[in-house]
Amino acid sequence: MKRTITSAAELDDAIEDLEKKASFQKEELKEHFSGVMENLKPINLIKHGLQSAFSGENKQDLLKAAIGLGSGILGRKLVMGRLGSGLLRKVIGTALEMGVVGLVVKNAEKLKETGSDLMEKIFHKKRSSGPKPPALHDKKSANYFQKN
């Protein structure tokens, strides 16, 4: 939007328009800068990071990693036990832990299915093998708390 200026009055108008434009842009820049500074505060960074970490697809990955890490630590403790604190034992224990973590994370779906099947079998047997509770409509069970 170039315009030709031929008089002093037109020059003053053009300068005034440019000063207004510069003032408006300066205010916009200040507002944008304050918004950026608000987003860069440590508490807001943590809050937004946690929100994105625990949302949608990341939630499944985070759960898999937590299960893998827990099983890795458990496997290390079971295998290594309290064998001492030698450097070689620490290295072997850490390698074992990371190996178990990797296996669990890679095979999380298979392990979840196998675990749920196993739990279903265990709890299903307990329910069917236990004594049956008395029926509510039975007169003998209705007088259970009364003296004979």
Protein backbone atom coordinates (compact mmCIF):
# COMPACT_ATOMS: atom_id res chain seq x y z
CA MET A 1 0.00 0.00 0.00
CA LYS A 2 2.37 2.64 -1.22
CA ARG A 3 1.09 6.08 -1.61
CA THR A 4 2.81 9.09 -2.97
CA ILE A 5 3.17 12.02 -0.67
CA THR A 6 3.17 15.39 -2.32
CA SER A 7 2.64 17.86 0.54
CA ALA A 8 3.68 18.40 4.13
CA ALA A 9 0.13 17.70 5.38
CA GLU A 10 0.10 14.30 3.66
CA LEU A 11 3.51 13.57 5.20
CA ASP A 12 2.18 14.41 8.68
CA ASP A 13 -0.84 12.13 8.11
CA ALA A 14 1.39 9.28 6.94
CA ILE A 15 3.68 9.71 9.97
CA GLU A 16 0.66 9.72 12.29
CA ASP A 17 -0.74 6.56 10.67
CA LEU A 18 2.61 4.78 11.00
CA GLU A 19 2.92 5.83 14.65
CA LYS A 20 -0.57 4.43 15.37
CA LYS A 21 0.33 1.23 13.59
CA ALA A 22 3.60 0.92 15.55
CA SER A 23 1.78 1.58 18.84
CA PHE A 24 -0.83 -1.09 18.03
CA GLN A 25 1.88 -3.62 17.11
CA LYS A 26 3.77 -2.79 20.30
CA GLU A 27 0.68 -3.52 22.42
CA GLU A 28 0.06 -6.80 20.55
CA LEU A 29 3.67 -7.79 21.11
CA LYS A 30 3.39 -7.05 24.85
CA GLU A 31 0.24 -9.16 25.16
CA HIS A 32 1.81 -12.04 23.25
CA PHE A 33 4.99 -11.82 25.32
CA SER A 34 3.06 -11.90 28.60
CA GLY A 35 1.14 -14.97 27.37
CA VAL A 36 4.40 -16.72 26.49
CA MET A 37 5.89 -15.81 29.86
CA GLU A 38 2.81 -17.23 31.62
CA ASN A 39 3.16 -20.50 29.72
CA LEU A 40 6.86 -20.74 30.56
CA LYS A 41 6.36 -20.55 34.32
CA PRO A 42 7.61 -23.79 35.89
CA ILE A 43 4.24 -24.70 37.43
CA ASN A 44 2.48 -24.28 34.08
CA LEU A 45 5.15 -26.33 32.30
CA ILE A 46 4.69 -29.15 34.81
CA LYS A 47 0.90 -28.93 34.63
CA HIS A 48 0.79 -29.04 30.83
CA GLY A 49 3.41 -31.78 30.72
CA LEU A 50 1.42 -33.98 33.10
CA GLN A 51 -1.81 -33.32 31.23
CA SER A 52 -0.27 -34.42 27.95
CA ALA A 53 1.47 -37.40 29.54
CA PHE A 54 -1.71 -38.79 31.08
CA SER A 55 -4.00 -38.30 28.13
CA GLY A 56 -5.11 -40.68 25.41
CA GLU A 57 -2.50 -42.90 23.82
CA ASN A 58 0.25 -41.82 26.21
CA LYS A 59 -1.70 -43.27 29.12
CA GLN A 60 -1.37 -46.80 27.71
CA ASP A 61 2.35 -46.35 27.04
CA LEU A 62 2.87 -44.97 30.54
CA LEU A 63 1.00 -47.89 32.06
CA LYS A 64 3.05 -50.39 30.07
CA ALA A 65 6.27 -48.70 31.16
CA ALA A 66 5.21 -48.68 34.82
CA ILE A 67 4.26 -52.36 34.73
CA GLY A 68 7.51 -53.19 32.96
CA LEU A 69 9.59 -51.24 35.43
CA GLY A 70 7.81 -52.80 38.41
CA SER A 71 8.27 -56.31 37.08
CA GLY A 72 11.91 -55.57 36.27
CA ILE A 73 12.63 -54.44 39.81
CA LEU A 74 10.73 -57.42 41.21
CA GLY A 75 12.63 -59.82 38.94
CA ARG A 76 15.93 -58.31 39.97
CA LYS A 77 15.09 -58.63 43.66
CA LEU A 78 13.91 -62.23 43.23
CA VAL A 79 16.93 -63.39 41.28
CA MET A 80 19.65 -61.36 42.93
CA GLY A 81 18.18 -61.25 46.44
CA ARG A 82 20.55 -59.98 49.07
CA LEU A 83 23.71 -61.42 47.61
CA GLY A 84 25.86 -58.46 48.54
CA SER A 85 26.83 -55.18 47.02
CA GLY A 86 29.66 -56.06 44.68
CA LEU A 87 30.07 -54.13 41.45
CA LEU A 88 29.59 -57.20 39.26
CA ARG A 89 26.37 -58.13 41.05
CA LYS A 90 25.03 -54.59 40.63
CA VAL A 91 25.81 -54.62 36.91
CA ILE A 92 24.22 -58.05 36.42
CA GLY A 93 21.19 -57.01 38.46
CA THR A 94 20.70 -53.82 36.44
CA ALA A 95 21.09 -55.67 33.15
CA LEU A 96 18.57 -58.27 34.31
CA GLU A 97 16.15 -55.54 35.35
CA MET A 98 16.40 -53.74 32.02
CA GLY A 99 15.98 -57.02 30.13
CA VAL A 100 12.81 -57.86 32.02
CA VAL A 101 11.48 -54.32 31.51
CA GLY A 102 12.08 -54.62 27.77
CA LEU A 103 10.38 -58.01 27.54
CA VAL A 104 7.36 -56.89 29.53
CA VAL A 105 6.89 -53.69 27.55
CA LYS A 106 7.21 -55.48 24.20
CA ASN A 107 4.80 -58.26 25.18
CA ALA A 108 2.41 -56.24 27.35
CA GLU A 109 -0.75 -57.25 25.47
CA LYS A 110 0.06 -60.98 25.58
CA LEU A 111 0.92 -60.77 29.28
CA LYS A 112 -2.28 -58.88 30.02
CA GLU A 113 -4.39 -61.52 28.26
CA THR A 114 -2.57 -64.39 29.96
CA GLY A 115 -2.83 -62.71 33.35
CA SER A 116 -6.54 -61.99 32.99
CA ASP A 117 -7.19 -65.59 31.89
CA LEU A 118 -5.22 -66.89 34.85
CA MET A 119 -7.05 -64.60 37.29
CA GLU A 120 -10.39 -65.64 35.84
CA LYS A 121 -9.52 -69.33 36.28
CA ILE A 122 -8.34 -68.82 39.86
CA PHE A 123 -11.33 -66.79 40.99
CA HIS A 124 -13.82 -68.87 39.02
CA LYS A 125 -12.67 -72.04 40.79
CA LYS A 126 -12.92 -70.39 44.20
CA ARG A 127 -16.51 -69.33 43.59
CA SER A 128 -17.66 -72.71 42.33
CA SER A 129 -15.81 -74.84 44.91
CA GLY A 130 -16.97 -72.96 48.04
CA PRO A 131 -20.11 -73.77 50.07
CA LYS A 132 -23.32 -72.35 48.73
CA PRO A 133 -25.02 -69.70 50.86
CA PRO A 134 -28.55 -70.53 52.09
CA ALA A 135 -31.42 -69.29 49.97
CA LEU A 136 -33.24 -66.20 51.23
CA HIS A 137 -36.69 -67.71 50.84
CA ASP A 138 -35.80 -70.75 52.96
CA LYS A 139 -37.59 -70.65 56.36
CA LYS A 140 -34.62 -72.25 58.11
CA SER A 141 -32.24 -69.52 56.95
CA ALA A 142 -34.77 -66.78 57.73
CA ASN A 143 -34.82 -67.90 61.40
CA TYR A 144 -31.05 -68.22 61.54
CA PHE A 145 -30.52 -65.51 64.17
CA GLN A 146 -33.43 -66.54 66.36
CA LYS A 147 -33.03 -68.93 69.30
CA ASN A 148 -34.38 -72.46 68.80
